Amino acid sequence: MKTAFQILSDIEHAAGAAGFTMADVCREAGIHQAQVSRWKAKVSEPRLSGLQRLEDALNELVQPSLRLNVE
């Protein structure tokens, strides 16, 4: 089972691979980038709902570019 920090790292890696920054993902998710920085520094631990919002935001950012590649 992955930890919250591993999931956050996976989201960040996937964002970079898709050409997006974590700032882009945070903006789409409505989460302050400073909060994500605190999670990455292990000052606080993200809740599952926060990770889900980031994952959903990443999916929203990636889906339009996938549609463009298919057409």
Protein backbone atom coordinates (compact mmCIF):
# COMPACT_ATOMS: atom_id res chain seq x y z
CA MET A 1 0.00 0.00 0.00
CA LYS A 2 1.37 3.39 -0.99
CA THR A 3 1.72 6.19 1.50
CA ALA A 4 0.16 9.59 0.94
CA PHE A 5 3.62 10.95 0.17
CA GLN A 6 4.22 8.28 -2.49
CA ILE A 7 0.87 9.07 -4.10
CA LEU A 8 1.74 12.78 -4.10
CA SER A 9 5.06 11.95 -5.75
CA ASP A 10 3.27 9.82 -8.37
CA ILE A 11 0.90 12.70 -9.16
CA GLU A 12 3.83 15.10 -9.51
CA HIS A 13 5.69 12.67 -11.79
CA ALA A 14 2.60 12.08 -13.95
CA ALA A 15 2.01 15.82 -14.23
CA GLY A 16 5.57 16.39 -15.42
CA ALA A 17 5.35 13.52 -17.89
CA ALA A 18 2.18 15.11 -19.33
CA GLY A 19 3.85 18.52 -19.62
CA PHE A 20 2.23 20.15 -16.61
CA THR A 21 3.69 21.58 -13.42
CA MET A 22 2.36 20.98 -9.94
CA ALA A 23 1.35 24.66 -10.00
CA ASP A 24 -0.95 23.83 -12.93
CA VAL A 25 -2.42 20.86 -11.06
CA CYS A 26 -2.84 22.85 -7.84
CA ARG A 27 -4.58 25.68 -9.68
CA GLU A 28 -6.99 23.23 -11.35
CA ALA A 29 -7.63 21.48 -8.01
CA GLY A 30 -8.13 24.72 -6.08
CA ILE A 31 -5.39 23.80 -3.61
CA HIS A 32 -2.73 26.33 -2.65
CA GLN A 33 0.69 25.38 -3.89
CA ALA A 34 2.08 26.27 -0.44
CA GLN A 35 -0.07 23.51 1.06
CA VAL A 36 1.33 20.96 -1.37
CA SER A 37 4.84 22.19 -0.53
CA ARG A 38 4.12 21.54 3.16
CA TRP A 39 2.96 18.02 2.26
CA LYS A 40 6.09 17.39 0.20
CA ALA A 41 8.27 18.63 3.07
CA LYS A 42 6.33 16.30 5.38
CA VAL A 43 5.34 19.22 7.61
CA SER A 44 1.79 17.94 7.38
CA GLU A 45 0.17 14.92 5.78
CA PRO A 46 -2.40 15.27 3.02
CA ARG A 47 -5.88 13.91 3.50
CA LEU A 48 -7.22 11.44 1.00
CA SER A 49 -9.67 14.08 -0.24
CA GLY A 50 -6.80 16.45 -1.08
CA LEU A 51 -4.95 13.77 -3.00
CA GLN A 52 -8.14 12.86 -4.83
CA ARG A 53 -8.66 16.51 -5.82
CA LEU A 54 -5.12 16.65 -7.20
CA GLU A 55 -5.60 13.41 -9.11
CA ASP A 56 -8.93 14.58 -10.52
CA ALA A 57 -7.38 17.90 -11.53
CA LEU A 58 -4.52 16.14 -13.29
CA ASN A 59 -6.99 13.97 -15.17
CA GLU A 60 -8.93 17.07 -16.23
CA LEU A 61 -5.74 18.70 -17.51
CA VAL A 62 -4.56 15.61 -19.37
CA GLN A 63 -7.87 14.60 -20.99
CA PRO A 64 -8.15 17.57 -23.39
CA SER A 65 -4.61 16.96 -24.69
CA LEU A 66 -5.42 13.26 -25.19
CA ARG A 67 -8.51 14.19 -27.20
CA LEU A 68 -6.40 16.46 -29.43
CA ASN A 69 -3.92 13.66 -30.11
CA VAL A 70 -6.70 11.27 -31.14
CA GLU A 71 -8.39 13.62 -33.60
